[in-house]
């Protein structure tokens, strides 16, 4: 099972997106664990995550966070602003799974 962690400023705005992603995964029969955390909790969630997706509002943190993830060979990617704004859980899930390939 893949572990996807979404990080945003406070972990609030991404929680609705997490639910949409879980719904999309269930419809497709994909077993994933998805959760939202504030960017301040990035380090505590790095070990358990297979991939970390950042909300567009914290994309300025990407290079710093990717440097922390690199030693573990993990990717930190920014969620597309349109997908995020429109809460397209299916599209965000697809992007995460493609990045894990």
PDB file of N, CA and C in Angstrom:
ATOM      1  N   UNK A   1       0.835  -1.183   0.000  1.00  0.00           N
ATOM      2  CA  UNK A   1       0.000   0.000   0.000  1.00  0.00           C
ATOM      3  C   UNK A   1       0.881   1.249   0.000  1.00  0.00           C
ATOM      4  N   UNK A   2       0.529   2.203  -0.846  1.00  0.00           N
ATOM      5  CA  UNK A   2       1.283   3.444  -0.961  1.00  0.00           C
ATOM      6  C   UNK A   2       0.786   4.452   0.076  1.00  0.00           C
ATOM      7  N   UNK A   3       1.724   5.209   0.617  1.00  0.00           N
ATOM      8  CA  UNK A   3       1.436   6.233   1.608  1.00  0.00           C
ATOM      9  C   UNK A   3       1.651   7.608   0.994  1.00  0.00           C
ATOM     10  N   UNK A   4       0.579   8.375   0.846  1.00  0.00           N
ATOM     11  CA  UNK A   4       0.663   9.705   0.254  1.00  0.00           C
ATOM     12  C   UNK A   4       0.381  10.724   1.350  1.00  0.00           C
ATOM     13  N   UNK A   5       1.267  11.702   1.489  1.00  0.00           N
ATOM     14  CA  UNK A   5       1.085  12.758   2.485  1.00  0.00           C
ATOM     15  C   UNK A   5       0.958  14.086   1.760  1.00  0.00           C
ATOM     16  N   UNK A   6      -0.093  14.830   2.098  1.00  0.00           N
ATOM     17  CA  UNK A   6      -0.292  16.167   1.552  1.00  0.00           C
ATOM     18  C   UNK A   6       0.087  17.172   2.626  1.00  0.00           C
ATOM     19  N   UNK A   7       0.883  18.159   2.256  1.00  0.00           N
ATOM     20  CA  UNK A   7       1.291  19.210   3.193  1.00  0.00           C
ATOM     21  C   UNK A   7       0.779  20.552   2.696  1.00  0.00           C
ATOM     22  N   UNK A   8       0.203  21.308   3.597  1.00  0.00           N
ATOM     23  CA  UNK A   8      -0.159  22.686   3.270  1.00  0.00           C
ATOM     24  C   UNK A   8       0.174  23.549   4.476  1.00  0.00           C
ATOM     25  N   UNK A   9      -0.232  24.792   4.441  1.00  0.00           N
ATOM     26  CA  UNK A   9       0.137  25.721   5.509  1.00  0.00           C
ATOM     27  C   UNK A   9      -0.290  25.193   6.880  1.00  0.00           C
ATOM     28  N   UNK A  10      -1.552  24.769   6.993  1.00  0.00           N
ATOM     29  CA  UNK A  10      -2.036  24.294   8.295  1.00  0.00           C
ATOM     30  C   UNK A  10      -2.612  22.881   8.251  1.00  0.00           C
ATOM     31  N   UNK A  11      -2.713  22.283   7.074  1.00  0.00           N
ATOM     32  CA  UNK A  11      -3.281  20.943   6.968  1.00  0.00           C
ATOM     33  C   UNK A  11      -4.793  20.951   6.847  1.00  0.00           C
ATOM     34  N   UNK A  12      -5.392  22.134   6.819  1.00  0.00           N
ATOM     35  CA  UNK A  12      -6.849  22.233   6.787  1.00  0.00           C
ATOM     36  C   UNK A  12      -7.398  22.156   5.363  1.00  0.00           C
ATOM     37  N   UNK A  13      -6.882  22.995   4.481  1.00  0.00           N
ATOM     38  CA  UNK A  13      -7.446  23.054   3.132  1.00  0.00           C
ATOM     39  C   UNK A  13      -7.242  21.755   2.375  1.00  0.00           C
ATOM     40  N   UNK A  14      -6.198  21.013   2.697  1.00  0.00           N
ATOM     41  CA  UNK A  14      -5.947  19.770   1.978  1.00  0.00           C
ATOM     42  C   UNK A  14      -6.810  18.621   2.493  1.00  0.00           C
ATOM     43  N   UNK A  15      -7.421  18.768   3.676  1.00  0.00           N
ATOM     44  CA  UNK A  15      -8.185  17.631   4.204  1.00  0.00           C
ATOM     45  C   UNK A  15      -9.398  17.305   3.332  1.00  0.00           C
ATOM     46  N   UNK A  16     -10.015  18.300   2.713  1.00  0.00           N
ATOM     47  CA  UNK A  16     -11.124  18.022   1.800  1.00  0.00           C
ATOM     48  C   UNK A  16     -10.603  17.313   0.542  1.00  0.00           C
ATOM     49  N   UNK A  17      -9.439  17.734   0.075  1.00  0.00           N
ATOM     50  CA  UNK A  17      -8.835  17.096  -1.095  1.00  0.00           C
ATOM     51  C   UNK A  17      -8.471  15.643  -0.781  1.00  0.00           C
ATOM     52  N   UNK A  18      -7.992  15.393   0.425  1.00  0.00           N
ATOM     53  CA  UNK A  18      -7.666  14.023   0.854  1.00  0.00           C
ATOM     54  C   UNK A  18      -8.901  13.135   0.715  1.00  0.00           C
ATOM     55  N   UNK A  19     -10.049  13.621   1.175  1.00  0.00           N
ATOM     56  CA  UNK A  19     -11.272  12.828   1.089  1.00  0.00           C
ATOM     57  C   UNK A  19     -11.637  12.534  -0.363  1.00  0.00           C
ATOM     58  N   UNK A  20     -11.486  13.522  -1.234  1.00  0.00           N
ATOM     59  CA  UNK A  20     -11.780  13.314  -2.664  1.00  0.00           C
ATOM     60  C   UNK A  20     -10.804  12.303  -3.277  1.00  0.00           C
ATOM     61  N   UNK A  21      -9.550  12.352  -2.853  1.00  0.00           N
ATOM     62  CA  UNK A  21      -8.557  11.395  -3.354  1.00  0.00           C
ATOM     63  C   UNK A  21      -8.884   9.986  -2.875  1.00  0.00           C
ATOM     64  N   UNK A  22      -9.295   9.862  -1.613  1.00  0.00           N
ATOM     65  CA  UNK A  22      -9.676   8.546  -1.073  1.00  0.00           C
ATOM     66  C   UNK A  22     -10.879   7.991  -1.820  1.00  0.00           C
ATOM     67  N   UNK A  23     -11.854   8.847  -2.116  1.00  0.00           N
ATOM     68  CA  UNK A  23     -13.030   8.414  -2.882  1.00  0.00           C
ATOM     69  C   UNK A  23     -12.618   7.920  -4.262  1.00  0.00           C
ATOM     70  N   UNK A  24     -11.726   8.658  -4.919  1.00  0.00           N
ATOM     71  CA  UNK A  24     -11.256   8.273  -6.259  1.00  0.00           C
ATOM     72  C   UNK A  24     -10.514   6.937  -6.207  1.00  0.00           C
ATOM     73  N   UNK A  25      -9.684   6.755  -5.177  1.00  0.00           N
ATOM     74  CA  UNK A  25      -8.925   5.506  -5.036  1.00  0.00           C
ATOM     75  C   UNK A  25      -9.862   4.333  -4.809  1.00  0.00           C
ATOM     76  N   UNK A  26     -10.884   4.551  -3.993  1.00  0.00           N
ATOM     77  CA  UNK A  26     -11.843   3.481  -3.707  1.00  0.00           C
ATOM     78  C   UNK A  26     -12.589   3.068  -4.970  1.00  0.00           C
ATOM     79  N   UNK A  27     -13.003   4.052  -5.775  1.00  0.00           N
ATOM     80  CA  UNK A  27     -13.712   3.754  -7.029  1.00  0.00           C
ATOM     81  C   UNK A  27     -12.848   2.930  -7.984  1.00  0.00           C
ATOM     82  N   UNK A  28     -11.529   3.193  -7.943  1.00  0.00           N
ATOM     83  CA  UNK A  28     -10.615   2.490  -8.849  1.00  0.00           C
ATOM     84  C   UNK A  28     -10.042   1.225  -8.229  1.00  0.00           C
ATOM     85  N   UNK A  29     -10.400   0.952  -6.978  1.00  0.00           N
ATOM     86  CA  UNK A  29      -9.897  -0.238  -6.310  1.00  0.00           C
ATOM     87  C   UNK A  29      -8.416  -0.161  -5.978  1.00  0.00           C
ATOM     88  N   UNK A  30      -7.927   1.051  -5.737  1.00  0.00           N
ATOM     89  CA  UNK A  30      -6.513   1.252  -5.414  1.00  0.00           C
ATOM     90  C   UNK A  30      -6.384   1.392  -3.898  1.00  0.00           C
ATOM     91  N   UNK A  31      -5.471   0.617  -3.313  1.00  0.00           N
ATOM     92  CA  UNK A  31      -5.259   0.709  -1.869  1.00  0.00           C
ATOM     93  C   UNK A  31      -4.156   1.716  -1.583  1.00  0.00           C
ATOM     94  N   UNK A  32      -4.542   2.841  -0.993  1.00  0.00           N
ATOM     95  CA  UNK A  32      -3.574   3.864  -0.614  1.00  0.00           C
ATOM     96  C   UNK A  32      -3.941   4.435   0.746  1.00  0.00           C
ATOM     97  N   UNK A  33      -2.959   4.959   1.417  1.00  0.00           N
ATOM     98  CA  UNK A  33      -3.173   5.702   2.647  1.00  0.00           C
ATOM     99  C   UNK A  33      -2.863   7.152   2.320  1.00  0.00           C
ATOM    100  N   UNK A  34      -3.808   8.053   2.598  1.00  0.00           N
ATOM    101  CA  UNK A  34      -3.621   9.466   2.272  1.00  0.00           C
ATOM    102  C   UNK A  34      -3.977  10.290   3.498  1.00  0.00           C
ATOM    103  N   UNK A  35      -3.089  11.228   3.841  1.00  0.00           N
ATOM    104  CA  UNK A  35      -3.421  12.111   4.955  1.00  0.00           C
ATOM    105  C   UNK A  35      -2.865  13.498   4.697  1.00  0.00           C
ATOM    106  N   UNK A  36      -3.442  14.474   5.401  1.00  0.00           N
ATOM    107  CA  UNK A  36      -3.010  15.864   5.285  1.00  0.00           C
ATOM    108  C   UNK A  36      -2.364  16.299   6.594  1.00  0.00           C
ATOM    109  N   UNK A  37      -1.240  16.985   6.468  1.00  0.00           N
ATOM    110  CA  UNK A  37      -0.547  17.506   7.651  1.00  0.00           C
ATOM    111  C   UNK A  37      -0.065  18.931   7.344  1.00  0.00           C
ATOM    112  N   UNK A  38       0.134  19.718   8.406  1.00  0.00           N
ATOM    113  CA  UNK A  38       0.742  21.033   8.184  1.00  0.00           C
ATOM    114  C   UNK A  38       2.206  20.869   7.763  1.00  0.00           C
ATOM    115  N   UNK A  39       2.707  21.795   6.991  1.00  0.00           N
ATOM    116  CA  UNK A  39       4.084  21.705   6.501  1.00  0.00           C
ATOM    117  C   UNK A  39       5.071  21.658   7.677  1.00  0.00           C
ATOM    118  N   UNK A  40       4.688  22.183   8.815  1.00  0.00           N
ATOM    119  CA  UNK A  40       5.543  22.149  10.004  1.00  0.00           C
ATOM    120  C   UNK A  40       5.795  20.714  10.491  1.00  0.00           C
ATOM    121  N   UNK A  41       4.906  19.767  10.094  1.00  0.00           N
ATOM    122  CA  UNK A  41       5.054  18.369  10.504  1.00  0.00           C
ATOM    123  C   UNK A  41       5.663  17.491   9.410  1.00  0.00           C
ATOM    124  N   UNK A  42       6.277  18.124   8.421  1.00  0.00           N
ATOM    125  CA  UNK A  42       6.877  17.404   7.295  1.00  0.00           C
ATOM    126  C   UNK A  42       7.866  16.332   7.771  1.00  0.00           C
ATOM    127  N   UNK A  43       8.800  16.738   8.609  1.00  0.00           N
ATOM    128  CA  UNK A  43       9.856  15.816   9.051  1.00  0.00           C
ATOM    129  C   UNK A  43       9.310  14.600   9.782  1.00  0.00           C
ATOM    130  N   UNK A  44       8.285  14.810  10.615  1.00  0.00           N
ATOM    131  CA  UNK A  44       7.702  13.685  11.369  1.00  0.00           C
ATOM    132  C   UNK A  44       6.985  12.693  10.451  1.00  0.00           C
ATOM    133  N   UNK A  45       6.570  13.139   9.271  1.00  0.00           N
ATOM    134  CA  UNK A  45       5.819  12.274   8.359  1.00  0.00           C
ATOM    135  C   UNK A  45       6.653  11.731   7.203  1.00  0.00           C
ATOM    136  N   UNK A  46       7.888  12.172   7.105  1.00  0.00           N
ATOM    137  CA  UNK A  46       8.736  11.772   5.978  1.00  0.00           C
ATOM    138  C   UNK A  46       9.011  10.271   5.947  1.00  0.00           C
ATOM    139  N   UNK A  47       9.317   9.674   7.095  1.00  0.00           N
ATOM    140  CA  UNK A  47       9.656   8.251   7.130  1.00  0.00           C
ATOM    141  C   UNK A  47       8.535   7.363   6.604  1.00  0.00           C
ATOM    142  N   UNK A  48       7.296   7.677   6.953  1.00  0.00           N
ATOM    143  CA  UNK A  48       6.173   6.816   6.580  1.00  0.00           C
ATOM    144  C   UNK A  48       5.627   7.116   5.179  1.00  0.00           C
ATOM    145  N   UNK A  49       5.985   8.269   4.613  1.00  0.00           N
ATOM    146  CA  UNK A  49       5.436   8.666   3.311  1.00  0.00           C
ATOM    147  C   UNK A  49       6.201   8.033   2.159  1.00  0.00           C
ATOM    148  N   UNK A  50       5.468   7.654   1.106  1.00  0.00           N
ATOM    149  CA  UNK A  50       6.113   7.233  -0.141  1.00  0.00           C
ATOM    150  C   UNK A  50       6.325   8.448  -1.040  1.00  0.00           C
ATOM    151  N   UNK A  51       5.406   9.412  -0.931  1.00  0.00           N
ATOM    152  CA  UNK A  51       5.505  10.663  -1.688  1.00  0.00           C
ATOM    153  C   UNK A  51       4.828  11.754  -0.873  1.00  0.00           C
ATOM    154  N   UNK A  52       5.349  12.968  -0.997  1.00  0.00           N
ATOM    155  CA  UNK A  52       4.755  14.108  -0.304  1.00  0.00           C
ATOM    156  C   UNK A  52       4.320  15.114  -1.365  1.00  0.00           C
ATOM    157  N   UNK A  53       3.065  15.511  -1.284  1.00  0.00           N
ATOM    158  CA  UNK A  53       2.528  16.512  -2.203  1.00  0.00           C
ATOM    159  C   UNK A  53       2.299  17.801  -1.427  1.00  0.00           C
ATOM    160  N   UNK A  54       2.753  18.914  -1.995  1.00  0.00           N
ATOM    161  CA  UNK A  54       2.593  20.202  -1.346  1.00  0.00           C
ATOM    162  C   UNK A  54       1.431  20.976  -1.953  1.00  0.00           C
ATOM    163  N   UNK A  55       0.673  21.630  -1.099  1.00  0.00           N
ATOM    164  CA  UNK A  55      -0.355  22.542  -1.578  1.00  0.00           C
ATOM    165  C   UNK A  55       0.332  23.702  -2.294  1.00  0.00           C
ATOM    166  N   UNK A  56      -0.317  24.281  -3.314  1.00  0.00           N
ATOM    167  CA  UNK A  56       0.297  25.371  -4.080  1.00  0.00           C
ATOM    168  C   UNK A  56       0.734  26.551  -3.204  1.00  0.00           C
ATOM    169  N   UNK A  57       0.036  26.759  -2.080  1.00  0.00           N
ATOM    170  CA  UNK A  57       0.362  27.902  -1.222  1.00  0.00           C
ATOM    171  C   UNK A  57       1.688  27.741  -0.484  1.00  0.00           C
ATOM    172  N   UNK A  58       2.262  26.532  -0.465  1.00  0.00           N
ATOM    173  CA  UNK A  58       3.571  26.334   0.179  1.00  0.00           C
ATOM    174  C   UNK A  58       4.623  25.837  -0.809  1.00  0.00           C
ATOM    175  N   UNK A  59       4.403  26.091  -2.107  1.00  0.00           N
ATOM    176  CA  UNK A  59       5.356  25.595  -3.100  1.00  0.00           C
ATOM    177  C   UNK A  59       6.734  26.216  -2.927  1.00  0.00           C
ATOM    178  N   UNK A  60       6.817  27.383  -2.299  1.00  0.00           N
ATOM    179  CA  UNK A  60       8.112  28.016  -2.039  1.00  0.00           C
ATOM    180  C   UNK A  60       8.988  27.161  -1.118  1.00  0.00           C
ATOM    181  N   UNK A  61       8.377  26.193  -0.407  1.00  0.00           N
ATOM    182  CA  UNK A  61       9.111  25.302   0.500  1.00  0.00           C
ATOM    183  C   UNK A  61       9.684  24.071  -0.225  1.00  0.00           C
ATOM    184  N   UNK A  62       9.336  23.882  -1.494  1.00  0.00           N
ATOM    185  CA  UNK A  62       9.660  22.625  -2.176  1.00  0.00           C
ATOM    186  C   UNK A  62      11.148  22.286  -2.166  1.00  0.00           C
ATOM    187  N   UNK A  63      12.010  23.227  -2.534  1.00  0.00           N
ATOM    188  CA  UNK A  63      13.434  22.868  -2.632  1.00  0.00           C
ATOM    189  C   UNK A  63      14.011  22.508  -1.266  1.00  0.00           C
ATOM    190  N   UNK A  64      13.608  23.215  -0.229  1.00  0.00           N
ATOM    191  CA  UNK A  64      14.097  22.906   1.117  1.00  0.00           C
ATOM    192  C   UNK A  64      13.611  21.522   1.561  1.00  0.00           C
ATOM    193  N   UNK A  65      12.329  21.231   1.315  1.00  0.00           N
ATOM    194  CA  UNK A  65      11.763  19.952   1.726  1.00  0.00           C
ATOM    195  C   UNK A  65      12.304  18.797   0.882  1.00  0.00           C
ATOM    196  N   UNK A  66      12.525  19.051  -0.412  1.00  0.00           N
ATOM    197  CA  UNK A  66      13.087  18.000  -1.277  1.00  0.00           C
ATOM    198  C   UNK A  66      14.488  17.636  -0.800  1.00  0.00           C
ATOM    199  N   UNK A  67      15.252  18.632  -0.331  1.00  0.00           N
ATOM    200  CA  UNK A  67      16.597  18.366   0.185  1.00  0.00           C
ATOM    201  C   UNK A  67      16.535  17.443   1.408  1.00  0.00           C
ATOM    202  N   UNK A  68      15.488  17.590   2.220  1.00  0.00           N
ATOM    203  CA  UNK A  68      15.311  16.705   3.381  1.00  0.00           C
ATOM    204  C   UNK A  68      14.890  15.298   2.946  1.00  0.00           C
ATOM    205  N   UNK A  69      14.136  15.205   1.852  1.00  0.00           N
ATOM    206  CA  UNK A  69      13.612  13.923   1.382  1.00  0.00           C
ATOM    207  C   UNK A  69      14.620  13.150   0.522  1.00  0.00           C
ATOM    208  N   UNK A  70      15.547  13.857  -0.113  1.00  0.00           N
ATOM    209  CA  UNK A  70      16.504  13.228  -1.025  1.00  0.00           C
ATOM    210  C   UNK A  70      17.280  12.060  -0.408  1.00  0.00           C
ATOM    211  N   UNK A  71      17.800  12.190   0.828  1.00  0.00           N
ATOM    212  CA  UNK A  71      18.558  11.063   1.389  1.00  0.00           C
ATOM    213  C   UNK A  71      17.739   9.765   1.471  1.00  0.00           C
ATOM    214  N   UNK A  72      16.407   9.890   1.536  1.00  0.00           N
ATOM    215  CA  UNK A  72      15.550   8.704   1.593  1.00  0.00           C
ATOM    216  C   UNK A  72      15.021   8.323   0.204  1.00  0.00           C
ATOM    217  N   UNK A  73      15.417   9.070  -0.805  1.00  0.00           N
ATOM    218  CA  UNK A  73      14.987   8.778  -2.170  1.00  0.00           C
ATOM    219  C   UNK A  73      13.507   9.022  -2.401  1.00  0.00           C
ATOM    220  N   UNK A  74      12.957  10.019  -1.709  1.00  0.00           N
ATOM    221  CA  UNK A  74      11.521  10.304  -1.832  1.00  0.00           C
ATOM    222  C   UNK A  74      11.289  11.609  -2.582  1.00  0.00           C
ATOM    223  N   UNK A  75      10.146  11.671  -3.269  1.00  0.00           N
ATOM    224  CA  UNK A  75       9.816  12.849  -4.061  1.00  0.00           C
ATOM    225  C   UNK A  75       8.899  13.786  -3.295  1.00  0.00           C
ATOM    226  N   UNK A  76       9.140  15.080  -3.519  1.00  0.00           N
ATOM    227  CA  UNK A  76       8.265  16.130  -3.005  1.00  0.00           C
ATOM    228  C   UNK A  76       7.783  16.884  -4.236  1.00  0.00           C
ATOM    229  N   UNK A  77       6.470  16.875  -4.475  1.00  0.00           N
ATOM    230  CA  UNK A  77       5.918  17.529  -5.660  1.00  0.00           C
ATOM    231  C   UNK A  77       4.834  18.521  -5.247  1.00  0.00           C
ATOM    232  N   UNK A  78       4.618  19.509  -6.093  1.00  0.00           N
ATOM    233  CA  UNK A  78       3.591  20.512  -5.830  1.00  0.00           C
ATOM    234  C   UNK A  78       2.318  20.124  -6.577  1.00  0.00           C
ATOM    235  N   UNK A  79       1.197  20.190  -5.882  1.00  0.00           N
ATOM    236  CA  UNK A  79      -0.103  19.887  -6.496  1.00  0.00           C
ATOM    237  C   UNK A  79      -0.438  20.998  -7.493  1.00  0.00           C
ATOM    238  N   UNK A  80      -0.900  20.620  -8.658  1.00  0.00           N
ATOM    239  CA  UNK A  80      -1.319  21.578  -9.672  1.00  0.00           C
ATOM    240  C   UNK A  80      -2.371  22.530  -9.093  1.00  0.00           C
ATOM    241  N   UNK A  81      -2.177  23.826  -9.315  1.00  0.00           N
ATOM    242  CA  UNK A  81      -3.057  24.820  -8.715  1.00  0.00           C
ATOM    243  C   UNK A  81      -4.519  24.668  -9.148  1.00  0.00           C
ATOM    244  N   UNK A  82      -4.738  24.333 -10.416  1.00  0.00           N
ATOM    245  CA  UNK A  82      -6.117  24.158 -10.902  1.00  0.00           C
ATOM    246  C   UNK A  82      -6.762  22.921 -10.265  1.00  0.00           C
ATOM    247  N   UNK A  83      -6.009  21.821 -10.204  1.00  0.00           N
ATOM    248  CA  UNK A  83      -6.534  20.594  -9.588  1.00  0.00           C
ATOM    249  C   UNK A  83      -6.837  20.843  -8.113  1.00  0.00           C
ATOM    250  N   UNK A  84      -5.957  21.590  -7.467  1.00  0.00           N
ATOM    251  CA  UNK A  84      -6.130  21.897  -6.048  1.00  0.00           C
ATOM    252  C   UNK A  84      -7.362  22.775  -5.832  1.00  0.00           C
ATOM    253  N   UNK A  85      -7.436  23.846  -6.615  1.00  0.00           N
ATOM    254  CA  UNK A  85      -8.545  24.792  -6.471  1.00  0.00           C
ATOM    255  C   UNK A  85      -9.895  24.166  -6.757  1.00  0.00           C
ATOM    256  N   UNK A  86      -9.923  23.236  -7.711  1.00  0.00           N
ATOM    257  CA  UNK A  86     -11.189  22.594  -8.077  1.00  0.00           C
ATOM    258  C   UNK A  86     -11.402  21.286  -7.310  1.00  0.00           C
ATOM    259  N   UNK A  87     -10.469  20.983  -6.373  1.00  0.00           N
ATOM    260  CA  UNK A  87     -10.560  19.782  -5.538  1.00  0.00           C
ATOM    261  C   UNK A  87     -10.713  18.512  -6.378  1.00  0.00           C
ATOM    262  N   UNK A  88      -9.897  18.407  -7.436  1.00  0.00           N
ATOM    263  CA  UNK A  88      -9.933  17.235  -8.316  1.00  0.00           C
ATOM    264  C   UNK A  88      -9.113  16.100  -7.710  1.00  0.00           C
ATOM    265  N   UNK A  89      -9.720  15.383  -6.790  1.00  0.00           N
ATOM    266  CA  UNK A  89      -9.044  14.298  -6.105  1.00  0.00           C
ATOM    267  C   UNK A  89      -8.518  13.235  -7.042  1.00  0.00           C
ATOM    268  N   UNK A  90      -9.279  12.935  -8.087  1.00  0.00           N
ATOM    269  CA  UNK A  90      -8.860  11.901  -9.031  1.00  0.00           C
ATOM    270  C   UNK A  90      -7.582  12.310  -9.765  1.00  0.00           C
ATOM    271  N   UNK A  91      -7.512  13.566 -10.186  1.00  0.00           N
ATOM    272  CA  UNK A  91      -6.332  14.045 -10.923  1.00  0.00           C
ATOM    273  C   UNK A  91      -5.099  14.085 -10.024  1.00  0.00           C
ATOM    274  N   UNK A  92      -5.276  14.520  -8.783  1.00  0.00           N
ATOM    275  CA  UNK A  92      -4.146  14.599  -7.850  1.00  0.00           C
ATOM    276  C   UNK A  92      -3.659  13.191  -7.507  1.00  0.00           C
ATOM    277  N   UNK A  93      -4.596  12.258  -7.333  1.00  0.00           N
ATOM    278  CA  UNK A  93      -4.234  10.872  -7.060  1.00  0.00           C
ATOM    279  C   UNK A  93      -3.433  10.297  -8.226  1.00  0.00           C
ATOM    280  N   UNK A  94      -3.902  10.525  -9.449  1.00  0.00           N
ATOM    281  CA  UNK A  94      -3.200  10.024 -10.637  1.00  0.00           C
ATOM    282  C   UNK A  94      -1.774  10.565 -10.705  1.00  0.00           C
ATOM    283  N   UNK A  95      -1.617  11.870 -10.436  1.00  0.00           N
ATOM    284  CA  UNK A  95      -0.283  12.469 -10.480  1.00  0.00           C
ATOM    285  C   UNK A  95       0.622  11.812  -9.443  1.00  0.00           C
ATOM    286  N   UNK A  96       0.108  11.621  -8.234  1.00  0.00           N
ATOM    287  CA  UNK A  96       0.909  11.006  -7.171  1.00  0.00           C
ATOM    288  C   UNK A  96       1.340   9.601  -7.571  1.00  0.00           C
ATOM    289  N   UNK A  97       0.425   8.809  -8.108  1.00  0.00           N
ATOM    290  CA  UNK A  97       0.742   7.432  -8.494  1.00  0.00           C
ATOM    291  C   UNK A  97       1.745   7.392  -9.637  1.00  0.00           C
ATOM    292  N   UNK A  98       1.635   8.325 -10.593  1.00  0.00           N
ATOM    293  CA  UNK A  98       2.587   8.388 -11.706  1.00  0.00           C
ATOM    294  C   UNK A  98       3.988   8.716 -11.176  1.00  0.00           C
ATOM    295  N   UNK A  99       4.064   9.634 -10.226  1.00  0.00           N
ATOM    296  CA  UNK A  99       5.366  10.015  -9.658  1.00  0.00           C
ATOM    297  C   UNK A  99       6.005   8.865  -8.891  1.00  0.00           C
ATOM    298  N   UNK A 100       5.197   7.935  -8.421  1.00  0.00           N
ATOM    299  CA  UNK A 100       5.706   6.789  -7.653  1.00  0.00           C
ATOM    300  C   UNK A 100       6.218   5.659  -8.540  1.00  0.00           C
ATOM    301  N   UNK A 101       5.883   5.709  -9.832  1.00  0.00           N
ATOM    302  CA  UNK A 101       6.285   4.627 -10.749  1.00  0.00           C
ATOM    303  C   UNK A 101       7.778   4.552 -10.930  1.00  0.00           C
TER     304      UNK A 101
END
